[in-house]
Amino acid sequence: MTTTELTTTAQSTSAQSTITQTSIEQFLYREARYLDDREFEKWLNCYADDVVYWMPTWADDDRLTSDPQREMSLIYYGNKGGLEDRIFRIRTERSSATSLPEPRTSHNITNVEVIERRGDLVDVPPRPSPARAATGHPAGRPPTRR
């Protein structure tokens, strides 16, 4: 996840400009809170202009989609402009992604792992909540009945 805010926080964290596990987790909590509080400008500022915002869907019981250009996705925006457009549609009530009354949400930020470090940038993959351990099925989904 490349972000202006996370980079700025990391630069002030230590003389070595090392992004800590705690600073990454705090950033993720803050990003979720901005959405909950409908502070969309602050939420948008969490993302770089070249962000790819992608939420894959399940291709089958055991595999997430891997190509947003050729397979179905829950959400896919190839850059920040797509996120800005989504916020515009939410604010002007032109989005099918909104409903009234507003749904209650819960954010599960778990298993935060740093995949790669490149100076002040880190790659942190999205992680589903650990529902599999509780249910024995991928991402907490029940088995498919045939």
N, C-alpha and C. Protein backbone atom coordinates (compact mmCIF):
# COMPACT_ATOMS: atom_id res chain seq x y z
N MET A 1 0.85 -1.16 0.00
CA MET A 1 0.00 0.00 0.00
C MET A 1 0.90 1.22 0.00
N THR A 2 0.84 2.03 -1.02
CA THR A 2 1.63 3.24 -1.10
C THR A 2 0.76 4.41 -0.72
N THR A 3 1.18 5.18 0.27
CA THR A 3 0.36 6.31 0.68
C THR A 3 1.23 7.48 1.08
N THR A 4 0.72 8.67 0.84
CA THR A 4 1.40 9.88 1.26
C THR A 4 1.45 9.94 2.77
N GLU A 5 0.34 9.63 3.41
CA GLU A 5 0.26 9.75 4.87
C GLU A 5 1.19 8.77 5.57
N LEU A 6 1.22 7.54 5.11
CA LEU A 6 2.07 6.54 5.74
C LEU A 6 3.54 6.89 5.55
N THR A 7 3.90 7.38 4.39
CA THR A 7 5.28 7.78 4.14
C THR A 7 5.67 8.95 5.04
N THR A 8 4.81 9.94 5.17
CA THR A 8 5.09 11.09 6.02
C THR A 8 5.24 10.65 7.47
N THR A 9 4.36 9.79 7.92
CA THR A 9 4.45 9.28 9.29
C THR A 9 5.75 8.54 9.50
N ALA A 10 6.12 7.73 8.53
CA ALA A 10 7.34 6.95 8.65
C ALA A 10 8.58 7.84 8.71
N GLN A 11 8.59 8.91 7.94
CA GLN A 11 9.75 9.79 7.92
C GLN A 11 9.95 10.46 9.26
N SER A 12 8.89 10.71 9.99
CA SER A 12 9.03 11.35 11.29
C SER A 12 9.18 10.34 12.42
N THR A 13 9.05 9.04 12.11
CA THR A 13 9.11 8.01 13.14
C THR A 13 10.52 7.79 13.68
N SER A 14 11.51 7.76 12.81
CA SER A 14 12.87 7.50 13.27
C SER A 14 13.88 8.14 12.34
N ALA A 15 15.11 8.21 12.81
CA ALA A 15 16.17 8.78 11.99
C ALA A 15 16.42 7.93 10.76
N GLN A 16 16.15 6.65 10.83
CA GLN A 16 16.38 5.75 9.71
C GLN A 16 15.21 5.73 8.74
N SER A 17 14.13 6.47 9.01
CA SER A 17 12.92 6.48 8.18
C SER A 17 12.36 5.08 8.00
N THR A 18 12.40 4.27 9.05
CA THR A 18 11.88 2.92 8.99
C THR A 18 10.41 2.92 9.40
N ILE A 19 9.60 2.33 8.58
CA ILE A 19 8.18 2.20 8.88
C ILE A 19 8.03 1.02 9.82
N THR A 20 7.41 1.25 10.97
CA THR A 20 7.26 0.19 11.95
C THR A 20 5.94 -0.56 11.76
N GLN A 21 5.87 -1.73 12.32
CA GLN A 21 4.63 -2.51 12.29
C GLN A 21 3.50 -1.70 12.93
N THR A 22 3.80 -1.06 14.03
CA THR A 22 2.78 -0.26 14.72
C THR A 22 2.29 0.89 13.85
N SER A 23 3.18 1.58 13.15
CA SER A 23 2.74 2.70 12.30
C SER A 23 1.88 2.21 11.14
N ILE A 24 2.17 1.03 10.61
CA ILE A 24 1.34 0.46 9.55
C ILE A 24 -0.05 0.14 10.09
N GLU A 25 -0.12 -0.52 11.23
CA GLU A 25 -1.41 -0.87 11.82
C GLU A 25 -2.21 0.38 12.16
N GLN A 26 -1.56 1.39 12.73
CA GLN A 26 -2.26 2.63 13.07
C GLN A 26 -2.81 3.31 11.82
N PHE A 27 -2.05 3.27 10.74
CA PHE A 27 -2.53 3.83 9.49
C PHE A 27 -3.80 3.10 9.03
N LEU A 28 -3.80 1.77 9.08
CA LEU A 28 -4.96 1.00 8.64
C LEU A 28 -6.19 1.29 9.51
N TYR A 29 -5.98 1.43 10.81
CA TYR A 29 -7.10 1.79 11.70
C TYR A 29 -7.64 3.18 11.35
N ARG A 30 -6.73 4.11 11.09
CA ARG A 30 -7.14 5.49 10.77
C ARG A 30 -7.90 5.52 9.45
N GLU A 31 -7.41 4.79 8.44
CA GLU A 31 -8.10 4.75 7.15
C GLU A 31 -9.53 4.23 7.31
N ALA A 32 -9.72 3.18 8.11
CA ALA A 32 -11.06 2.62 8.35
C ALA A 32 -11.94 3.63 9.07
N ARG A 33 -11.36 4.34 10.05
CA ARG A 33 -12.14 5.34 10.79
C ARG A 33 -12.61 6.47 9.88
N TYR A 34 -11.74 6.90 8.95
CA TYR A 34 -12.14 7.97 8.02
C TYR A 34 -13.37 7.54 7.22
N LEU A 35 -13.42 6.30 6.79
CA LEU A 35 -14.61 5.82 6.08
C LEU A 35 -15.83 5.82 6.99
N ASP A 36 -15.68 5.29 8.19
CA ASP A 36 -16.80 5.23 9.13
C ASP A 36 -17.34 6.62 9.45
N ASP A 37 -16.43 7.58 9.58
CA ASP A 37 -16.83 8.95 9.94
C ASP A 37 -17.21 9.78 8.71
N ARG A 38 -17.20 9.16 7.54
CA ARG A 38 -17.53 9.84 6.28
C ARG A 38 -16.61 11.04 6.02
N GLU A 39 -15.37 10.91 6.43
CA GLU A 39 -14.37 11.93 6.16
C GLU A 39 -13.65 11.51 4.87
N PHE A 40 -14.37 11.66 3.77
CA PHE A 40 -13.91 11.10 2.51
C PHE A 40 -12.66 11.78 1.97
N GLU A 41 -12.50 13.09 2.18
CA GLU A 41 -11.28 13.76 1.70
C GLU A 41 -10.06 13.21 2.43
N LYS A 42 -10.16 13.01 3.74
CA LYS A 42 -9.04 12.43 4.48
C LYS A 42 -8.78 11.00 4.01
N TRP A 43 -9.86 10.26 3.74
CA TRP A 43 -9.71 8.89 3.27
C TRP A 43 -9.00 8.88 1.91
N LEU A 44 -9.42 9.75 1.00
CA LEU A 44 -8.77 9.82 -0.31
C LEU A 44 -7.29 10.19 -0.20
N ASN A 45 -6.96 11.04 0.77
CA ASN A 45 -5.56 11.43 0.95
C ASN A 45 -4.69 10.28 1.44
N CYS A 46 -5.28 9.20 1.84
CA CYS A 46 -4.51 8.02 2.23
C CYS A 46 -3.91 7.31 1.02
N TYR A 47 -4.37 7.65 -0.17
CA TYR A 47 -3.97 6.92 -1.38
C TYR A 47 -3.17 7.78 -2.33
N ALA A 48 -2.16 7.18 -2.94
CA ALA A 48 -1.35 7.83 -3.97
C ALA A 48 -2.16 7.91 -5.27
N ASP A 49 -1.76 8.81 -6.16
CA ASP A 49 -2.47 8.96 -7.43
C ASP A 49 -2.44 7.69 -8.27
N ASP A 50 -1.38 6.89 -8.14
CA ASP A 50 -1.26 5.68 -8.96
C ASP A 50 -1.74 4.42 -8.24
N VAL A 51 -2.56 4.59 -7.21
CA VAL A 51 -3.07 3.45 -6.47
C VAL A 51 -3.91 2.54 -7.38
N VAL A 52 -3.81 1.25 -7.17
CA VAL A 52 -4.73 0.30 -7.77
C VAL A 52 -5.56 -0.25 -6.62
N TYR A 53 -6.86 0.06 -6.63
CA TYR A 53 -7.76 -0.34 -5.55
C TYR A 53 -8.57 -1.51 -6.08
N TRP A 54 -8.32 -2.69 -5.53
CA TRP A 54 -8.92 -3.90 -6.09
C TRP A 54 -9.39 -4.81 -4.97
N MET A 55 -10.63 -5.24 -5.07
CA MET A 55 -11.20 -6.22 -4.16
C MET A 55 -11.67 -7.40 -5.01
N PRO A 56 -10.86 -8.47 -5.06
CA PRO A 56 -11.24 -9.62 -5.89
C PRO A 56 -12.47 -10.33 -5.31
N THR A 57 -13.05 -11.16 -6.11
CA THR A 57 -14.16 -11.99 -5.66
C THR A 57 -13.71 -13.45 -5.71
N TRP A 58 -14.51 -14.32 -5.16
CA TRP A 58 -14.18 -15.74 -5.21
C TRP A 58 -14.51 -16.29 -6.59
N ALA A 59 -13.52 -16.91 -7.23
CA ALA A 59 -13.74 -17.57 -8.52
C ALA A 59 -14.43 -18.92 -8.31
N ASP A 60 -14.10 -19.56 -7.20
CA ASP A 60 -14.74 -20.81 -6.80
C ASP A 60 -14.53 -20.94 -5.29
N ASP A 61 -14.76 -22.10 -4.74
CA ASP A 61 -14.67 -22.26 -3.29
C ASP A 61 -13.27 -22.04 -2.72
N ASP A 62 -12.25 -22.23 -3.54
CA ASP A 62 -10.89 -22.20 -3.02
C ASP A 62 -9.98 -21.15 -3.64
N ARG A 63 -10.47 -20.34 -4.58
CA ARG A 63 -9.58 -19.44 -5.29
C ARG A 63 -10.21 -18.07 -5.51
N LEU A 64 -9.44 -17.04 -5.16
CA LEU A 64 -9.85 -15.68 -5.48
C LEU A 64 -9.50 -15.38 -6.93
N THR A 65 -10.25 -14.46 -7.54
CA THR A 65 -9.88 -14.05 -8.90
C THR A 65 -8.50 -13.42 -8.87
N SER A 66 -7.78 -13.51 -9.98
CA SER A 66 -6.41 -13.01 -10.00
C SER A 66 -6.16 -11.96 -11.07
N ASP A 67 -7.13 -11.69 -11.93
CA ASP A 67 -6.94 -10.71 -13.00
C ASP A 67 -8.18 -9.82 -13.11
N PRO A 68 -8.09 -8.59 -12.59
CA PRO A 68 -9.27 -7.72 -12.61
C PRO A 68 -9.68 -7.29 -14.02
N GLN A 69 -8.81 -7.46 -15.00
CA GLN A 69 -9.15 -7.11 -16.37
C GLN A 69 -9.95 -8.19 -17.08
N ARG A 70 -9.85 -9.43 -16.59
CA ARG A 70 -10.50 -10.54 -17.28
C ARG A 70 -11.52 -11.29 -16.43
N GLU A 71 -11.50 -11.04 -15.12
CA GLU A 71 -12.40 -11.76 -14.22
C GLU A 71 -13.22 -10.76 -13.41
N MET A 72 -14.29 -11.25 -12.84
CA MET A 72 -15.17 -10.44 -12.01
C MET A 72 -14.43 -9.97 -10.75
N SER A 73 -14.70 -8.75 -10.33
CA SER A 73 -14.17 -8.20 -9.09
C SER A 73 -15.30 -7.55 -8.32
N LEU A 74 -15.17 -7.51 -7.00
CA LEU A 74 -16.15 -6.77 -6.21
C LEU A 74 -15.97 -5.27 -6.42
N ILE A 75 -14.72 -4.82 -6.41
CA ILE A 75 -14.37 -3.42 -6.68
C ILE A 75 -13.05 -3.42 -7.44
N TYR A 76 -12.95 -2.58 -8.46
CA TYR A 76 -11.67 -2.38 -9.14
C TYR A 76 -11.60 -0.96 -9.68
N TYR A 77 -10.57 -0.24 -9.26
CA TYR A 77 -10.25 1.08 -9.80
C TYR A 77 -8.76 1.08 -10.11
N GLY A 78 -8.40 1.43 -11.32
CA GLY A 78 -7.02 1.40 -11.76
C GLY A 78 -6.18 2.58 -11.31
N ASN A 79 -6.83 3.59 -10.70
CA ASN A 79 -6.10 4.75 -10.18
C ASN A 79 -6.98 5.52 -9.20
N LYS A 80 -6.44 6.56 -8.61
CA LYS A 80 -7.16 7.34 -7.61
C LYS A 80 -8.40 8.03 -8.19
N GLY A 81 -8.37 8.32 -9.47
CA GLY A 81 -9.53 8.95 -10.11
C GLY A 81 -10.79 8.11 -9.94
N GLY A 82 -10.66 6.80 -9.98
CA GLY A 82 -11.82 5.94 -9.77
C GLY A 82 -12.38 6.06 -8.36
N LEU A 83 -11.49 6.18 -7.37
CA LEU A 83 -11.94 6.38 -5.99
C LEU A 83 -12.62 7.74 -5.83
N GLU A 84 -12.05 8.76 -6.46
CA GLU A 84 -12.64 10.10 -6.39
C GLU A 84 -14.03 10.10 -7.01
N ASP A 85 -14.19 9.40 -8.12
CA ASP A 85 -15.49 9.30 -8.76
C ASP A 85 -16.49 8.57 -7.86
N ARG A 86 -16.05 7.52 -7.21
CA ARG A 86 -16.93 6.78 -6.29
C ARG A 86 -17.42 7.68 -5.16
N ILE A 87 -16.51 8.48 -4.58
CA ILE A 87 -16.90 9.40 -3.52
C ILE A 87 -17.87 10.45 -4.04
N PHE A 88 -17.63 10.95 -5.24
CA PHE A 88 -18.56 11.91 -5.85
C PHE A 88 -19.96 11.30 -5.97
N ARG A 89 -20.03 10.05 -6.44
CA ARG A 89 -21.33 9.40 -6.60
C ARG A 89 -22.00 9.15 -5.25
N ILE A 90 -21.23 8.82 -4.23
CA ILE A 90 -21.80 8.63 -2.89
C ILE A 90 -22.37 9.94 -2.38
N ARG A 91 -21.63 11.02 -2.53
CA ARG A 91 -22.07 12.33 -2.03
C ARG A 91 -23.28 12.86 -2.78
N THR A 92 -23.41 12.55 -4.05
CA THR A 92 -24.53 13.06 -4.85
C THR A 92 -25.65 12.03 -4.96
N GLU A 93 -25.56 10.97 -4.16
CA GLU A 93 -26.57 9.92 -4.13
C GLU A 93 -26.79 9.28 -5.50
N ARG A 94 -25.72 9.19 -6.29
CA ARG A 94 -25.77 8.55 -7.60
C ARG A 94 -25.06 7.21 -7.60
N SER A 95 -24.86 6.66 -6.44
CA SER A 95 -24.11 5.42 -6.33
C SER A 95 -25.01 4.29 -5.86
N SER A 96 -24.90 3.16 -6.53
CA SER A 96 -25.63 1.98 -6.06
C SER A 96 -24.93 1.35 -4.86
N ALA A 97 -23.74 1.88 -4.52
CA ALA A 97 -22.98 1.34 -3.39
C ALA A 97 -23.44 1.91 -2.06
N THR A 98 -24.41 2.80 -2.10
CA THR A 98 -24.91 3.38 -0.85
C THR A 98 -26.36 2.97 -0.64
N SER A 99 -26.74 2.98 0.61
CA SER A 99 -28.12 2.67 0.93
C SER A 99 -28.53 3.48 2.15
N LEU A 100 -29.80 3.71 2.27
CA LEU A 100 -30.34 4.41 3.43
C LEU A 100 -31.35 3.50 4.09
N PRO A 101 -31.32 3.34 5.39
CA PRO A 101 -30.30 3.91 6.26
C PRO A 101 -28.94 3.28 5.98
N GLU A 102 -27.89 3.99 6.36
CA GLU A 102 -26.55 3.50 6.11
C GLU A 102 -26.30 2.20 6.87
N PRO A 103 -25.63 1.26 6.22
CA PRO A 103 -25.35 0.00 6.90
C PRO A 103 -24.33 0.19 8.01
N ARG A 104 -24.42 -0.65 9.00
CA ARG A 104 -23.41 -0.67 10.05
C ARG A 104 -22.26 -1.52 9.55
N THR A 105 -21.06 -1.07 9.82
CA THR A 105 -19.89 -1.80 9.32
C THR A 105 -18.99 -2.21 10.47
N SER A 106 -18.19 -3.19 10.19
CA SER A 106 -17.18 -3.65 11.13
C SER A 106 -15.90 -3.86 10.34
N HIS A 107 -14.80 -3.32 10.83
CA HIS A 107 -13.51 -3.47 10.16
C HIS A 107 -12.67 -4.45 10.94
N ASN A 108 -12.20 -5.47 10.27
CA ASN A 108 -11.30 -6.45 10.89
C ASN A 108 -9.92 -6.26 10.28
N ILE A 109 -9.02 -5.69 11.04
CA ILE A 109 -7.66 -5.49 10.58
C ILE A 109 -6.81 -6.50 11.33
N THR A 110 -6.45 -7.56 10.62
CA THR A 110 -5.74 -8.67 11.24
C THR A 110 -4.61 -9.13 10.35
N ASN A 111 -3.70 -9.88 10.93
CA ASN A 111 -2.63 -10.52 10.17
C ASN A 111 -1.87 -9.54 9.29
N VAL A 112 -1.58 -8.35 9.81
CA VAL A 112 -0.87 -7.34 9.03
C VAL A 112 0.56 -7.82 8.80
N GLU A 113 0.91 -7.98 7.55
CA GLU A 113 2.21 -8.51 7.18
C GLU A 113 2.87 -7.59 6.16
N VAL A 114 4.15 -7.31 6.36
CA VAL A 114 4.92 -6.54 5.40
C VAL A 114 5.54 -7.53 4.42
N ILE A 115 5.17 -7.42 3.15
CA ILE A 115 5.67 -8.30 2.11
C ILE A 115 7.02 -7.82 1.60
N GLU A 116 7.14 -6.50 1.39
CA GLU A 116 8.37 -5.94 0.85
C GLU A 116 8.57 -4.53 1.36
N ARG A 117 9.83 -4.16 1.62
CA ARG A 117 10.21 -2.81 2.01
C ARG A 117 11.10 -2.22 0.94
N ARG A 118 10.78 -0.98 0.55
CA ARG A 118 11.60 -0.24 -0.41
C ARG A 118 11.78 1.17 0.14
N GLY A 119 12.74 1.33 1.05
CA GLY A 119 12.94 2.63 1.68
C GLY A 119 11.74 2.99 2.53
N ASP A 120 11.07 4.09 2.18
CA ASP A 120 9.90 4.55 2.93
C ASP A 120 8.59 3.97 2.40
N LEU A 121 8.66 2.99 1.52
CA LEU A 121 7.47 2.35 0.98
C LEU A 121 7.42 0.90 1.45
N VAL A 122 6.22 0.45 1.76
CA VAL A 122 6.03 -0.95 2.13
C VAL A 122 4.85 -1.52 1.36
N ASP A 123 4.89 -2.81 1.09
CA ASP A 123 3.75 -3.51 0.50
C ASP A 123 3.10 -4.33 1.60
N VAL A 124 1.81 -4.06 1.81
CA VAL A 124 1.02 -4.76 2.82
C VAL A 124 -0.19 -5.33 2.10
N PRO A 125 -0.28 -6.65 1.97
CA PRO A 125 -1.42 -7.23 1.26
C PRO A 125 -2.68 -7.16 2.11
N PRO A 126 -3.84 -7.10 1.45
CA PRO A 126 -5.09 -7.18 2.21
C PRO A 126 -5.23 -8.56 2.81
N ARG A 127 -5.82 -8.63 3.95
CA ARG A 127 -6.00 -9.91 4.63
C ARG A 127 -7.45 -10.05 5.08
N PRO A 128 -8.06 -11.18 4.79
CA PRO A 128 -9.38 -11.43 5.36
C PRO A 128 -9.24 -11.73 6.84
N SER A 129 -10.31 -11.57 7.57
CA SER A 129 -10.26 -11.91 8.99
C SER A 129 -10.06 -13.42 9.11
N PRO A 130 -9.51 -13.88 10.22
CA PRO A 130 -9.19 -15.31 10.33
C PRO A 130 -10.40 -16.17 10.63
N ALA A 131 -11.45 -16.03 9.82
CA ALA A 131 -12.67 -16.81 10.03
C ALA A 131 -12.46 -18.28 9.72
N ARG A 132 -11.49 -18.58 8.90
CA ARG A 132 -11.24 -19.97 8.52
C ARG A 132 -10.97 -20.83 9.75
N ALA A 133 -10.21 -20.29 10.69
CA ALA A 133 -9.88 -21.05 11.90
C ALA A 133 -11.14 -21.35 12.71
N ALA A 134 -12.10 -20.45 12.65
CA ALA A 134 -13.32 -20.64 13.43
C ALA A 134 -14.29 -21.60 12.76
N THR A 135 -14.29 -21.65 11.43
CA THR A 135 -15.30 -22.45 10.74
C THR A 135 -14.74 -23.64 10.00
N GLY A 136 -13.43 -23.62 9.73
CA GLY A 136 -12.84 -24.71 8.97
C GLY A 136 -13.00 -24.57 7.47
N HIS A 137 -13.55 -23.45 6.99
CA HIS A 137 -13.76 -23.24 5.57
C HIS A 137 -13.08 -21.96 5.13
N PRO A 138 -12.67 -21.86 3.86
CA PRO A 138 -11.98 -20.66 3.39
C PRO A 138 -12.78 -19.39 3.68
N ALA A 139 -12.12 -18.45 4.32
CA ALA A 139 -12.71 -17.14 4.63
C ALA A 139 -14.05 -17.24 5.31
N GLY A 140 -14.26 -18.30 6.06
CA GLY A 140 -15.49 -18.43 6.84
C GLY A 140 -16.71 -18.83 6.02
N ARG A 141 -16.50 -19.18 4.73
CA ARG A 141 -17.64 -19.53 3.89
C ARG A 141 -18.03 -20.97 4.11
N PRO A 142 -19.33 -21.26 4.15
CA PRO A 142 -19.75 -22.65 4.31
C PRO A 142 -19.46 -23.43 3.04
N PRO A 143 -19.40 -24.75 3.14
CA PRO A 143 -19.14 -25.54 1.94
C PRO A 143 -20.28 -25.41 0.94
N THR A 144 -19.94 -25.53 -0.34
CA THR A 144 -20.95 -25.49 -1.38
C THR A 144 -21.65 -26.83 -1.43
N ARG A 145 -22.97 -26.79 -1.48
CA ARG A 145 -23.74 -28.04 -1.60
C ARG A 145 -24.06 -28.28 -3.05
N ARG A 146 -23.85 -29.48 -3.48
CA ARG A 146 -24.09 -29.83 -4.88
C ARG A 146 -25.22 -30.81 -4.98
